[in-house]
Amino acid sequence: MTVIKIRQLTKRFKDLVAVDHLDLDIFRGECFGLLGPNGAGKTTLIRMITAIILPSEGHIEVLGMDIRLRPREIKAKLGVVPQHDNLDADLKVKKQPHHICEVLRHHRIRSKKKKRGSAQIF
C-alpha cells in the first residue's frame, strides 16, 4: 500500500526552485530518509507532505488523501517531530495552544487504551 504518493512535485520561492518535478512513492512499513546538503529541498518537501505549505505544481497524496483537499485530516494522521518549533499556518495564534493540547490529549487517551488492552492479554 502506498502511504505517500508524489507526482511532478515542484515548489518555487520567487526565482528559487526548491523542489523540481519530484516523483516518489513511500510504501507502508518502509523506513525512508531524506539526505542531502543544506538547501537541497528536504525541509520544503516535508513541509509540503505535512500540508504546512502547498506545492507550486504537482500532486501529493498521504494515506489516499489529497493535501490540497484534506490538509487538516492529513495533519491529524501524521506524527512529525520538527527540528525547530513550528506553528500550524491553518490555525490562528489563539488556536495553536488548544490544538497542541488536543493532540496531546488524544495521544494520552490512545496510550491508556493500549495499556488496558495489553493488561487484558496477560
PDB file of N, CA and C in Angstrom:
ATOM      1  N   MET A   1       0.841  -1.180   0.000  1.00  0.00           N
ATOM      2  CA  MET A   1       0.000   0.000   0.000  1.00  0.00           C
ATOM      3  C   MET A   1       0.891   1.250   0.000  1.00  0.00           C
ATOM      4  N   THR A   2       0.598   2.177  -0.880  1.00  0.00           N
ATOM      5  CA  THR A   2       1.329   3.437  -0.937  1.00  0.00           C
ATOM      6  C   THR A   2       0.762   4.388   0.109  1.00  0.00           C
ATOM      7  N   VAL A   3       1.609   4.871   1.028  1.00  0.00           N
ATOM      8  CA  VAL A   3       1.134   5.809   2.044  1.00  0.00           C
ATOM      9  C   VAL A   3       1.410   7.253   1.643  1.00  0.00           C
ATOM     10  N   ILE A   4       2.461   7.464   0.851  1.00  0.00           N
ATOM     11  CA  ILE A   4       2.745   8.794   0.312  1.00  0.00           C
ATOM     12  C   ILE A   4       3.026   8.646  -1.175  1.00  0.00           C
ATOM     13  N   LYS A   5       2.251   9.361  -1.966  1.00  0.00           N
ATOM     14  CA  LYS A   5       2.394   9.320  -3.429  1.00  0.00           C
ATOM     15  C   LYS A   5       2.613  10.751  -3.912  1.00  0.00           C
ATOM     16  N   ILE A   6       3.735  10.968  -4.576  1.00  0.00           N
ATOM     17  CA  ILE A   6       4.098  12.302  -5.046  1.00  0.00           C
ATOM     18  C   ILE A   6       4.334  12.240  -6.551  1.00  0.00           C
ATOM     19  N   ARG A   7       3.714  13.173  -7.269  1.00  0.00           N
ATOM     20  CA  ARG A   7       3.861  13.216  -8.721  1.00  0.00           C
ATOM     21  C   ARG A   7       4.172  14.640  -9.183  1.00  0.00           C
ATOM     22  N   GLN A   8       5.282  14.773  -9.897  1.00  0.00           N
ATOM     23  CA  GLN A   8       5.696  16.039 -10.531  1.00  0.00           C
ATOM     24  C   GLN A   8       5.663  17.222  -9.553  1.00  0.00           C
ATOM     25  N   LEU A   9       6.100  16.968  -8.329  1.00  0.00           N
ATOM     26  CA  LEU A   9       6.041  17.967  -7.271  1.00  0.00           C
ATOM     27  C   LEU A   9       7.117  19.037  -7.464  1.00  0.00           C
ATOM     28  N   THR A  10       6.676  20.279  -7.446  1.00  0.00           N
ATOM     29  CA  THR A  10       7.582  21.419  -7.610  1.00  0.00           C
ATOM     30  C   THR A  10       7.196  22.494  -6.606  1.00  0.00           C
ATOM     31  N   LYS A  11       8.208  23.105  -6.011  1.00  0.00           N
ATOM     32  CA  LYS A  11       7.982  24.254  -5.134  1.00  0.00           C
ATOM     33  C   LYS A  11       8.973  25.343  -5.504  1.00  0.00           C
ATOM     34  N   ARG A  12       8.411  26.512  -5.798  1.00  0.00           N
ATOM     35  CA  ARG A  12       9.218  27.682  -6.137  1.00  0.00           C
ATOM     36  C   ARG A  12       9.015  28.762  -5.085  1.00  0.00           C
ATOM     37  N   PHE A  13      10.097  29.424  -4.756  1.00  0.00           N
ATOM     38  CA  PHE A  13      10.066  30.617  -3.924  1.00  0.00           C
ATOM     39  C   PHE A  13      10.682  31.729  -4.784  1.00  0.00           C
ATOM     40  N   LYS A  14       9.828  32.499  -5.435  1.00  0.00           N
ATOM     41  CA  LYS A  14      10.251  33.519  -6.412  1.00  0.00           C
ATOM     42  C   LYS A  14      11.121  32.868  -7.474  1.00  0.00           C
ATOM     43  N   ASP A  15      12.405  33.208  -7.553  1.00  0.00           N
ATOM     44  CA  ASP A  15      13.287  32.654  -8.591  1.00  0.00           C
ATOM     45  C   ASP A  15      13.945  31.340  -8.185  1.00  0.00           C
ATOM     46  N   LEU A  16      13.807  30.934  -6.931  1.00  0.00           N
ATOM     47  CA  LEU A  16      14.439  29.715  -6.434  1.00  0.00           C
ATOM     48  C   LEU A  16      13.509  28.513  -6.596  1.00  0.00           C
ATOM     49  N   VAL A  17      13.997  27.462  -7.227  1.00  0.00           N
ATOM     50  CA  VAL A  17      13.252  26.209  -7.323  1.00  0.00           C
ATOM     51  C   VAL A  17      13.795  25.287  -6.231  1.00  0.00           C
ATOM     52  N   ALA A  18      13.012  25.093  -5.168  1.00  0.00           N
ATOM     53  CA  ALA A  18      13.454  24.296  -4.023  1.00  0.00           C
ATOM     54  C   ALA A  18      13.253  22.803  -4.264  1.00  0.00           C
ATOM     55  N   VAL A  19      12.165  22.439  -4.925  1.00  0.00           N
ATOM     56  CA  VAL A  19      11.855  21.045  -5.289  1.00  0.00           C
ATOM     57  C   VAL A  19      11.455  21.083  -6.758  1.00  0.00           C
ATOM     58  N   ASP A  20      12.050  20.200  -7.563  1.00  0.00           N
ATOM     59  CA  ASP A  20      11.888  20.294  -9.014  1.00  0.00           C
ATOM     60  C   ASP A  20      11.327  19.000  -9.612  1.00  0.00           C
ATOM     61  N   HIS A  21      10.025  18.956  -9.837  1.00  0.00           N
ATOM     62  CA  HIS A  21       9.332  17.852 -10.512  1.00  0.00           C
ATOM     63  C   HIS A  21       9.680  16.476  -9.930  1.00  0.00           C
ATOM     64  N   LEU A  22       9.486  16.336  -8.630  1.00  0.00           N
ATOM     65  CA  LEU A  22       9.793  15.099  -7.910  1.00  0.00           C
ATOM     66  C   LEU A  22       8.659  14.087  -8.050  1.00  0.00           C
ATOM     67  N   ASP A  23       9.011  12.836  -8.331  1.00  0.00           N
ATOM     68  CA  ASP A  23       8.096  11.694  -8.284  1.00  0.00           C
ATOM     69  C   ASP A  23       8.615  10.764  -7.199  1.00  0.00           C
ATOM     70  N   LEU A  24       7.726  10.315  -6.305  1.00  0.00           N
ATOM     71  CA  LEU A  24       8.159   9.477  -5.183  1.00  0.00           C
ATOM     72  C   LEU A  24       6.978   8.672  -4.657  1.00  0.00           C
ATOM     73  N   ASP A  25       7.233   7.412  -4.325  1.00  0.00           N
ATOM     74  CA  ASP A  25       6.250   6.570  -3.635  1.00  0.00           C
ATOM     75  C   ASP A  25       6.902   6.041  -2.370  1.00  0.00           C
ATOM     76  N   ILE A  26       6.209   6.169  -1.243  1.00  0.00           N
ATOM     77  CA  ILE A  26       6.664   5.580   0.015  1.00  0.00           C
ATOM     78  C   ILE A  26       5.576   4.604   0.438  1.00  0.00           C
ATOM     79  N   PHE A  27       5.995   3.363   0.703  1.00  0.00           N
ATOM     80  CA  PHE A  27       5.049   2.287   0.972  1.00  0.00           C
ATOM     81  C   PHE A  27       4.930   1.994   2.463  1.00  0.00           C
ATOM     82  N   ARG A  28       3.812   1.441   2.847  1.00  0.00           N
ATOM     83  CA  ARG A  28       3.549   1.068   4.236  1.00  0.00           C
ATOM     84  C   ARG A  28       4.661   0.144   4.734  1.00  0.00           C
ATOM     85  N   GLY A  29       5.164   0.441   5.923  1.00  0.00           N
ATOM     86  CA  GLY A  29       6.196  -0.380   6.537  1.00  0.00           C
ATOM     87  C   GLY A  29       7.607  -0.038   6.086  1.00  0.00           C
ATOM     88  N   GLU A  30       7.732   0.845   5.137  1.00  0.00           N
ATOM     89  CA  GLU A  30       9.038   1.224   4.609  1.00  0.00           C
ATOM     90  C   GLU A  30       9.675   2.282   5.511  1.00  0.00           C
ATOM     91  N   CYS A  31      10.953   2.140   5.767  1.00  0.00           N
ATOM     92  CA  CYS A  31      11.710   3.148   6.504  1.00  0.00           C
ATOM     93  C   CYS A  31      12.376   4.035   5.463  1.00  0.00           C
ATOM     94  N   PHE A  32      12.088   5.314   5.515  1.00  0.00           N
ATOM     95  CA  PHE A  32      12.528   6.221   4.462  1.00  0.00           C
ATOM     96  C   PHE A  32      13.208   7.434   5.081  1.00  0.00           C
ATOM     97  N   GLY A  33      14.314   7.859   4.511  1.00  0.00           N
ATOM     98  CA  GLY A  33      15.019   9.042   4.995  1.00  0.00           C
ATOM     99  C   GLY A  33      15.364   9.964   3.850  1.00  0.00           C
ATOM    100  N   LEU A  34      15.500  11.229   4.166  1.00  0.00           N
ATOM    101  CA  LEU A  34      15.918  12.228   3.184  1.00  0.00           C
ATOM    102  C   LEU A  34      17.317  12.714   3.564  1.00  0.00           C
ATOM    103  N   LEU A  35      18.238  12.573   2.649  1.00  0.00           N
ATOM    104  CA  LEU A  35      19.604  13.025   2.879  1.00  0.00           C
ATOM    105  C   LEU A  35      19.990  14.006   1.795  1.00  0.00           C
ATOM    106  N   GLY A  36      20.741  15.015   2.165  1.00  0.00           N
ATOM    107  CA  GLY A  36      21.216  15.977   1.184  1.00  0.00           C
ATOM    108  C   GLY A  36      21.791  17.188   1.861  1.00  0.00           C
ATOM    109  N   PRO A  37      22.508  17.988   1.110  1.00  0.00           N
ATOM    110  CA  PRO A  37      23.122  19.189   1.687  1.00  0.00           C
ATOM    111  C   PRO A  37      22.079  20.251   2.024  1.00  0.00           C
ATOM    112  N   ASN A  38      22.503  21.226   2.801  1.00  0.00           N
ATOM    113  CA  ASN A  38      21.625  22.365   3.097  1.00  0.00           C
ATOM    114  C   ASN A  38      21.156  22.986   1.790  1.00  0.00           C
ATOM    115  N   GLY A  39      19.869  23.306   1.732  1.00  0.00           N
ATOM    116  CA  GLY A  39      19.319  23.936   0.544  1.00  0.00           C
ATOM    117  C   GLY A  39      18.871  22.968  -0.532  1.00  0.00           C
ATOM    118  N   ALA A  40      18.918  21.665  -0.247  1.00  0.00           N
ATOM    119  CA  ALA A  40      18.547  20.664  -1.251  1.00  0.00           C
ATOM    120  C   ALA A  40      17.035  20.505  -1.406  1.00  0.00           C
ATOM    121  N   GLY A  41      16.249  21.007  -0.452  1.00  0.00           N
ATOM    122  CA  GLY A  41      14.796  20.917  -0.550  1.00  0.00           C
ATOM    123  C   GLY A  41      14.165  19.920   0.404  1.00  0.00           C
ATOM    124  N   LYS A  42      14.943  19.347   1.321  1.00  0.00           N
ATOM    125  CA  LYS A  42      14.416  18.336   2.252  1.00  0.00           C
ATOM    126  C   LYS A  42      13.302  18.905   3.141  1.00  0.00           C
ATOM    127  N   THR A  43      13.575  20.017   3.778  1.00  0.00           N
ATOM    128  CA  THR A  43      12.586  20.628   4.672  1.00  0.00           C
ATOM    129  C   THR A  43      11.366  21.085   3.895  1.00  0.00           C
ATOM    130  N   THR A  44      11.577  21.643   2.731  1.00  0.00           N
ATOM    131  CA  THR A  44      10.457  22.082   1.888  1.00  0.00           C
ATOM    132  C   THR A  44       9.579  20.891   1.529  1.00  0.00           C
ATOM    133  N   LEU A  45      10.187  19.765   1.179  1.00  0.00           N
ATOM    134  CA  LEU A  45       9.418  18.562   0.849  1.00  0.00           C
ATOM    135  C   LEU A  45       8.593  18.101   2.050  1.00  0.00           C
ATOM    136  N   ILE A  46       9.197  18.037   3.224  1.00  0.00           N
ATOM    137  CA  ILE A  46       8.468  17.605   4.423  1.00  0.00           C
ATOM    138  C   ILE A  46       7.331  18.578   4.728  1.00  0.00           C
ATOM    139  N   ARG A  47       7.558  19.856   4.579  1.00  0.00           N
ATOM    140  CA  ARG A  47       6.506  20.849   4.832  1.00  0.00           C
ATOM    141  C   ARG A  47       5.343  20.694   3.852  1.00  0.00           C
ATOM    142  N   MET A  48       5.633  20.270   2.624  1.00  0.00           N
ATOM    143  CA  MET A  48       4.554  20.033   1.658  1.00  0.00           C
ATOM    144  C   MET A  48       3.815  18.740   1.989  1.00  0.00           C
ATOM    145  N   ILE A  49       4.553  17.675   2.304  1.00  0.00           N
ATOM    146  CA  ILE A  49       3.914  16.398   2.644  1.00  0.00           C
ATOM    147  C   ILE A  49       2.993  16.557   3.849  1.00  0.00           C
ATOM    148  N   THR A  50       3.402  17.360   4.805  1.00  0.00           N
ATOM    149  CA  THR A  50       2.612  17.555   6.023  1.00  0.00           C
ATOM    150  C   THR A  50       1.585  18.673   5.894  1.00  0.00           C
ATOM    151  N   ALA A  51       1.409  19.189   4.674  1.00  0.00           N
ATOM    152  CA  ALA A  51       0.391  20.197   4.361  1.00  0.00           C
ATOM    153  C   ALA A  51       0.598  21.505   5.114  1.00  0.00           C
ATOM    154  N   ILE A  52       1.832  21.814   5.438  1.00  0.00           N
ATOM    155  CA  ILE A  52       2.135  23.103   6.056  1.00  0.00           C
ATOM    156  C   ILE A  52       2.230  24.169   4.967  1.00  0.00           C
ATOM    157  N   ILE A  53       2.820  23.798   3.831  1.00  0.00           N
ATOM    158  CA  ILE A  53       2.847  24.685   2.666  1.00  0.00           C
ATOM    159  C   ILE A  53       2.340  23.898   1.460  1.00  0.00           C
ATOM    160  N   LEU A  54       1.820  24.598   0.491  1.00  0.00           N
ATOM    161  CA  LEU A  54       1.312  23.945  -0.721  1.00  0.00           C
ATOM    162  C   LEU A  54       2.364  23.986  -1.829  1.00  0.00           C
ATOM    163  N   PRO A  55       2.360  22.971  -2.684  1.00  0.00           N
ATOM    164  CA  PRO A  55       3.298  22.975  -3.807  1.00  0.00           C
ATOM    165  C   PRO A  55       2.913  24.027  -4.846  1.00  0.00           C
ATOM    166  N   SER A  56       3.894  24.428  -5.629  1.00  0.00           N
ATOM    167  CA  SER A  56       3.636  25.316  -6.765  1.00  0.00           C
ATOM    168  C   SER A  56       2.997  24.535  -7.899  1.00  0.00           C
ATOM    169  N   GLU A  57       3.439  23.294  -8.058  1.00  0.00           N
ATOM    170  CA  GLU A  57       2.903  22.383  -9.072  1.00  0.00           C
ATOM    171  C   GLU A  57       2.954  20.965  -8.512  1.00  0.00           C
ATOM    172  N   GLY A  58       2.207  20.094  -9.134  1.00  0.00           N
ATOM    173  CA  GLY A  58       2.272  18.687  -8.786  1.00  0.00           C
ATOM    174  C   GLY A  58       1.192  18.256  -7.812  1.00  0.00           C
ATOM    175  N   HIS A  59       1.318  16.998  -7.375  1.00  0.00           N
ATOM    176  CA  HIS A  59       0.264  16.346  -6.595  1.00  0.00           C
ATOM    177  C   HIS A  59       0.894  15.518  -5.481  1.00  0.00           C
ATOM    178  N   ILE A  60       0.301  15.604  -4.297  1.00  0.00           N
ATOM    179  CA  ILE A  60       0.716  14.775  -3.159  1.00  0.00           C
ATOM    180  C   ILE A  60      -0.524  14.127  -2.564  1.00  0.00           C
ATOM    181  N   GLU A  61      -0.447  12.819  -2.350  1.00  0.00           N
ATOM    182  CA  GLU A  61      -1.467  12.093  -1.588  1.00  0.00           C
ATOM    183  C   GLU A  61      -0.804  11.458  -0.380  1.00  0.00           C
ATOM    184  N   VAL A  62      -1.432  11.630   0.772  1.00  0.00           N
ATOM    185  CA  VAL A  62      -0.983  10.997   2.003  1.00  0.00           C
ATOM    186  C   VAL A  62      -2.134  10.142   2.493  1.00  0.00           C
ATOM    187  N   LEU A  63      -1.899   8.838   2.609  1.00  0.00           N
ATOM    188  CA  LEU A  63      -2.933   7.886   3.023  1.00  0.00           C
ATOM    189  C   LEU A  63      -4.172   8.011   2.135  1.00  0.00           C
ATOM    190  N   GLY A  64      -3.943   8.253   0.845  1.00  0.00           N
ATOM    191  CA  GLY A  64      -5.033   8.361  -0.122  1.00  0.00           C
ATOM    192  C   GLY A  64      -5.738   9.701  -0.142  1.00  0.00           C
ATOM    193  N   MET A  65      -5.265  10.661   0.681  1.00  0.00           N
ATOM    194  CA  MET A  65      -5.911  11.969   0.762  1.00  0.00           C
ATOM    195  C   MET A  65      -5.046  13.022   0.067  1.00  0.00           C
ATOM    196  N   ASP A  66      -5.678  13.848  -0.739  1.00  0.00           N
ATOM    197  CA  ASP A  66      -5.008  14.935  -1.439  1.00  0.00           C
ATOM    198  C   ASP A  66      -4.721  16.062  -0.447  1.00  0.00           C
ATOM    199  N   ILE A  67      -3.460  16.544  -0.403  1.00  0.00           N
ATOM    200  CA  ILE A  67      -3.122  17.582   0.582  1.00  0.00           C
ATOM    201  C   ILE A  67      -3.843  18.898   0.326  1.00  0.00           C
ATOM    202  N   ARG A  68      -4.245  19.137  -0.901  1.00  0.00           N
ATOM    203  CA  ARG A  68      -4.960  20.388  -1.200  1.00  0.00           C
ATOM    204  C   ARG A  68      -6.413  20.324  -0.711  1.00  0.00           C
ATOM    205  N   LEU A  69      -6.982  19.133  -0.694  1.00  0.00           N
ATOM    206  CA  LEU A  69      -8.391  18.979  -0.340  1.00  0.00           C
ATOM    207  C   LEU A  69      -8.622  18.625   1.123  1.00  0.00           C
ATOM    208  N   ARG A  70      -7.659  17.914   1.743  1.00  0.00           N
ATOM    209  CA  ARG A  70      -7.879  17.422   3.104  1.00  0.00           C
ATOM    210  C   ARG A  70      -6.668  17.655   4.018  1.00  0.00           C
ATOM    211  N   PRO A  71      -6.146  18.882   4.064  1.00  0.00           N
ATOM    212  CA  PRO A  71      -4.929  19.126   4.847  1.00  0.00           C
ATOM    213  C   PRO A  71      -5.081  18.863   6.344  1.00  0.00           C
ATOM    214  N   ARG A  72      -6.203  19.220   6.908  1.00  0.00           N
ATOM    215  CA  ARG A  72      -6.386  19.012   8.367  1.00  0.00           C
ATOM    216  C   ARG A  72      -6.442  17.528   8.719  1.00  0.00           C
ATOM    217  N   GLU A  73      -7.098  16.743   7.896  1.00  0.00           N
ATOM    218  CA  GLU A  73      -7.163  15.304   8.154  1.00  0.00           C
ATOM    219  C   GLU A  73      -5.787  14.669   8.039  1.00  0.00           C
ATOM    220  N   ILE A  74      -5.009  15.117   7.079  1.00  0.00           N
ATOM    221  CA  ILE A  74      -3.647  14.596   6.917  1.00  0.00           C
ATOM    222  C   ILE A  74      -2.809  14.959   8.139  1.00  0.00           C
ATOM    223  N   LYS A  75      -2.891  16.213   8.571  1.00  0.00           N
ATOM    224  CA  LYS A  75      -2.128  16.640   9.753  1.00  0.00           C
ATOM    225  C   LYS A  75      -2.508  15.814  10.975  1.00  0.00           C
ATOM    226  N   ALA A  76      -3.774  15.457  11.094  1.00  0.00           N
ATOM    227  CA  ALA A  76      -4.229  14.667  12.238  1.00  0.00           C
ATOM    228  C   ALA A  76      -3.684  13.235  12.206  1.00  0.00           C
ATOM    229  N   LYS A  77      -3.357  12.733  11.031  1.00  0.00           N
ATOM    230  CA  LYS A  77      -2.872  11.348  10.893  1.00  0.00           C
ATOM    231  C   LYS A  77      -1.355  11.225  11.015  1.00  0.00           C
ATOM    232  N   LEU A  78      -0.639  12.315  10.766  1.00  0.00           N
ATOM    233  CA  LEU A  78       0.820  12.261  10.756  1.00  0.00           C
ATOM    234  C   LEU A  78       1.409  12.612  12.108  1.00  0.00           C
ATOM    235  N   GLY A  79       2.536  12.028  12.406  1.00  0.00           N
ATOM    236  CA  GLY A  79       3.317  12.387  13.579  1.00  0.00           C
ATOM    237  C   GLY A  79       4.644  12.941  13.105  1.00  0.00           C
ATOM    238  N   VAL A  80       4.880  14.195  13.353  1.00  0.00           N
ATOM    239  CA  VAL A  80       6.103  14.851  12.895  1.00  0.00           C
ATOM    240  C   VAL A  80       6.768  15.502  14.095  1.00  0.00           C
ATOM    241  N   VAL A  81       8.056  15.281  14.233  1.00  0.00           N
ATOM    242  CA  VAL A  81       8.837  15.933  15.276  1.00  0.00           C
ATOM    243  C   VAL A  81       9.795  16.881  14.578  1.00  0.00           C
ATOM    244  N   PRO A  82       9.448  18.181  14.533  1.00  0.00           N
ATOM    245  CA  PRO A  82      10.299  19.133  13.824  1.00  0.00           C
ATOM    246  C   PRO A  82      11.579  19.429  14.599  1.00  0.00           C
ATOM    247  N   GLN A  83      12.595  19.846  13.877  1.00  0.00           N
ATOM    248  CA  GLN A  83      13.849  20.241  14.495  1.00  0.00           C
ATOM    249  C   GLN A  83      13.661  21.529  15.297  1.00  0.00           C
ATOM    250  N   HIS A  84      12.824  22.410  14.802  1.00  0.00           N
ATOM    251  CA  HIS A  84      12.530  23.680  15.462  1.00  0.00           C
ATOM    252  C   HIS A  84      11.031  23.769  15.695  1.00  0.00           C
ATOM    253  N   ASP A  85      10.616  24.642  16.607  1.00  0.00           N
ATOM    254  CA  ASP A  85       9.185  24.843  16.838  1.00  0.00           C
ATOM    255  C   ASP A  85       8.528  25.372  15.570  1.00  0.00           C
ATOM    256  N   ASN A  86       7.393  24.765  15.225  1.00  0.00           N
ATOM    257  CA  ASN A  86       6.630  25.210  14.055  1.00  0.00           C
ATOM    258  C   ASN A  86       5.197  25.455  14.472  1.00  0.00           C
ATOM    259  N   LEU A  87       4.616  26.497  13.935  1.00  0.00           N
ATOM    260  CA  LEU A  87       3.206  26.754  14.161  1.00  0.00           C
ATOM    261  C   LEU A  87       2.432  26.309  12.932  1.00  0.00           C
ATOM    262  N   ASP A  88       1.212  25.875  13.142  1.00  0.00           N
ATOM    263  CA  ASP A  88       0.346  25.432  12.057  1.00  0.00           C
ATOM    264  C   ASP A  88      -0.265  26.656  11.376  1.00  0.00           C
ATOM    265  N   ALA A  89       0.052  26.858  10.109  1.00  0.00           N
ATOM    266  CA  ALA A  89      -0.418  28.041   9.377  1.00  0.00           C
ATOM    267  C   ALA A  89      -1.935  28.065   9.200  1.00  0.00           C
ATOM    268  N   ASP A  90      -2.594  26.893   9.326  1.00  0.00           N
ATOM    269  CA  ASP A  90      -4.046  26.844   9.184  1.00  0.00           C
ATOM    270  C   ASP A  90      -4.771  27.383  10.414  1.00  0.00           C
ATOM    271  N   LEU A  91      -4.058  27.526  11.521  1.00  0.00           N
ATOM    272  CA  LEU A  91      -4.697  27.943  12.767  1.00  0.00           C
ATOM    273  C   LEU A  91      -4.277  29.355  13.145  1.00  0.00           C
ATOM    274  N   LYS A  92      -5.219  30.070  13.738  1.00  0.00           N
ATOM    275  CA  LYS A  92      -4.905  31.405  14.250  1.00  0.00           C
ATOM    276  C   LYS A  92      -4.092  31.238  15.535  1.00  0.00           C
ATOM    277  N   VAL A  93      -3.397  32.290  15.912  1.00  0.00           N
ATOM    278  CA  VAL A  93      -2.500  32.238  17.065  1.00  0.00           C
ATOM    279  C   VAL A  93      -3.218  31.726  18.318  1.00  0.00           C
ATOM    280  N   LYS A  94      -4.432  32.215  18.567  1.00  0.00           N
ATOM    281  CA  LYS A  94      -5.177  31.801  19.762  1.00  0.00           C
ATOM    282  C   LYS A  94      -5.516  30.312  19.749  1.00  0.00           C
ATOM    283  N   LYS A  95      -5.601  29.695  18.557  1.00  0.00           N
ATOM    284  CA  LYS A  95      -5.977  28.281  18.443  1.00  0.00           C
ATOM    285  C   LYS A  95      -4.778  27.342  18.601  1.00  0.00           C
ATOM    286  N   GLN A  96      -3.553  27.846  18.433  1.00  0.00           N
ATOM    287  CA  GLN A  96      -2.364  26.990  18.478  1.00  0.00           C
ATOM    288  C   GLN A  96      -2.246  26.200  19.793  1.00  0.00           C
ATOM    289  N   PRO A  97      -2.303  26.860  20.968  1.00  0.00           N
ATOM    290  CA  PRO A  97      -2.179  26.099  22.219  1.00  0.00           C
ATOM    291  C   PRO A  97      -3.291  25.064  22.385  1.00  0.00           C
ATOM    292  N   HIS A  98      -4.504  25.425  21.998  1.00  0.00           N
ATOM    293  CA  HIS A  98      -5.637  24.496  22.098  1.00  0.00           C
ATOM    294  C   HIS A  98      -5.387  23.263  21.227  1.00  0.00           C
ATOM    295  N   HIS A  99      -4.895  23.484  20.015  1.00  0.00           N
ATOM    296  CA  HIS A  99      -4.612  22.378  19.092  1.00  0.00           C
ATOM    297  C   HIS A  99      -3.544  21.444  19.678  1.00  0.00           C
ATOM    298  N   ILE A 100      -2.487  22.010  20.230  1.00  0.00           N
ATOM    299  CA  ILE A 100      -1.419  21.201  20.819  1.00  0.00           C
ATOM    300  C   ILE A 100      -1.968  20.371  21.976  1.00  0.00           C
ATOM    301  N   CYS A 101      -2.803  20.983  22.821  1.00  0.00           N
ATOM    302  CA  CYS A 101      -3.416  20.250  23.937  1.00  0.00           C
ATOM    303  C   CYS A 101      -4.303  19.113  23.436  1.00  0.00           C
ATOM    304  N   GLU A 102      -5.064  19.360  22.393  1.00  0.00           N
ATOM    305  CA  GLU A 102      -5.932  18.327  21.829  1.00  0.00           C
ATOM    306  C   GLU A 102      -5.110  17.154  21.294  1.00  0.00           C
ATOM    307  N   VAL A 103      -4.019  17.455  20.615  1.00  0.00           N
ATOM    308  CA  VAL A 103      -3.156  16.392  20.079  1.00  0.00           C
ATOM    309  C   VAL A 103      -2.583  15.571  21.222  1.00  0.00           C
ATOM    310  N   LEU A 104      -2.078  16.245  22.261  1.00  0.00           N
ATOM    311  CA  LEU A 104      -1.507  15.519  23.401  1.00  0.00           C
ATOM    312  C   LEU A 104      -2.570  14.718  24.135  1.00  0.00           C
ATOM    313  N   ARG A 105      -3.749  15.287  24.310  1.00  0.00           N
ATOM    314  CA  ARG A 105      -4.855  14.589  24.979  1.00  0.00           C
ATOM    315  C   ARG A 105      -5.240  13.339  24.197  1.00  0.00           C
ATOM    316  N   HIS A 106      -5.361  13.464  22.878  1.00  0.00           N
ATOM    317  CA  HIS A 106      -5.704  12.329  22.029  1.00  0.00           C
ATOM    318  C   HIS A 106      -4.650  11.229  22.153  1.00  0.00           C
ATOM    319  N   HIS A 107      -3.380  11.600  22.180  1.00  0.00           N
ATOM    320  CA  HIS A 107      -2.294  10.632  22.310  1.00  0.00           C
ATOM    321  C   HIS A 107      -2.380   9.907  23.656  1.00  0.00           C
ATOM    322  N   ARG A 108      -2.641  10.658  24.730  1.00  0.00           N
ATOM    323  CA  ARG A 108      -2.727  10.038  26.068  1.00  0.00           C
ATOM    324  C   ARG A 108      -3.890   9.065  26.157  1.00  0.00           C
ATOM    325  N   ILE A 109      -5.032   9.429  25.589  1.00  0.00           N
ATOM    326  CA  ILE A 109      -6.203   8.541  25.613  1.00  0.00           C
ATOM    327  C   ILE A 109      -5.892   7.255  24.861  1.00  0.00           C
ATOM    328  N   ARG A 110      -5.280   7.352  23.684  1.00  0.00           N
ATOM    329  CA  ARG A 110      -4.916   6.169  22.892  1.00  0.00           C
ATOM    330  C   ARG A 110      -3.914   5.306  23.654  1.00  0.00           C
ATOM    331  N   SER A 111      -2.942   5.935  24.334  1.00  0.00           N
ATOM    332  CA  SER A 111      -1.940   5.190  25.097  1.00  0.00           C
ATOM    333  C   SER A 111      -2.583   4.424  26.237  1.00  0.00           C
ATOM    334  N   LYS A 112      -3.530   5.059  26.942  1.00  0.00           N
ATOM    335  CA  LYS A 112      -4.220   4.383  28.049  1.00  0.00           C
ATOM    336  C   LYS A 112      -5.002   3.182  27.551  1.00  0.00           C
ATOM    337  N   LYS A 113      -5.677   3.326  26.393  1.00  0.00           N
ATOM    338  CA  LYS A 113      -6.449   2.218  25.832  1.00  0.00           C
ATOM    339  C   LYS A 113      -5.528   1.061  25.470  1.00  0.00           C
ATOM    340  N   LYS A 114      -4.367   1.361  24.903  1.00  0.00           N
ATOM    341  CA  LYS A 114      -3.406   0.306  24.541  1.00  0.00           C
ATOM    342  C   LYS A 114      -2.911  -0.407  25.783  1.00  0.00           C
ATOM    343  N   LYS A 115      -2.621   0.351  26.850  1.00  0.00           N
ATOM    344  CA  LYS A 115      -2.143  -0.258  28.103  1.00  0.00           C
ATOM    345  C   LYS A 115      -3.212  -1.187  28.674  1.00  0.00           C
ATOM    346  N   ARG A 116      -4.481  -0.743  28.658  1.00  0.00           N
ATOM    347  CA  ARG A 116      -5.569  -1.590  29.156  1.00  0.00           C
ATOM    348  C   ARG A 116      -5.678  -2.872  28.341  1.00  0.00           C
ATOM    349  N   GLY A 117      -5.546  -2.739  27.016  1.00  0.00           N
ATOM    350  CA  GLY A 117      -5.615  -3.893  26.148  1.00  0.00           C
ATOM    351  C   GLY A 117      -4.474  -4.863  26.405  1.00  0.00           C
ATOM    352  N   SER A 118      -3.290  -4.367  26.674  1.00  0.00           N
ATOM    353  CA  SER A 118      -2.138  -5.212  26.962  1.00  0.00           C
ATOM    354  C   SER A 118      -2.327  -5.926  28.296  1.00  0.00           C
ATOM    355  N   ALA A 119      -2.879  -5.231  29.297  1.00  0.00           N
ATOM    356  CA  ALA A 119      -3.109  -5.848  30.599  1.00  0.00           C
ATOM    357  C   ALA A 119      -4.107  -6.994  30.493  1.00  0.00           C
ATOM    358  N   GLN A 120      -5.093  -6.878  29.614  1.00  0.00           N
ATOM    359  CA  GLN A 120      -6.089  -7.934  29.459  1.00  0.00           C
ATOM    360  C   GLN A 120      -5.488  -9.187  28.827  1.00  0.00           C
ATOM    361  N   ILE A 121      -4.463  -9.013  28.000  1.00  0.00           N
ATOM    362  CA  ILE A 121      -3.817 -10.172  27.372  1.00  0.00           C
ATOM    363  C   ILE A 121      -3.123 -11.029  28.426  1.00  0.00           C
ATOM    364  N   PHE A 122      -2.481 -10.386  29.408  1.00  0.00           N
ATOM    365  CA  PHE A 122      -1.764 -11.102  30.451  1.00  0.00           C
ATOM    366  C   PHE A 122      -2.718 -11.444  31.560  1.00  0.00           C
TER     367      PHE A 122
END
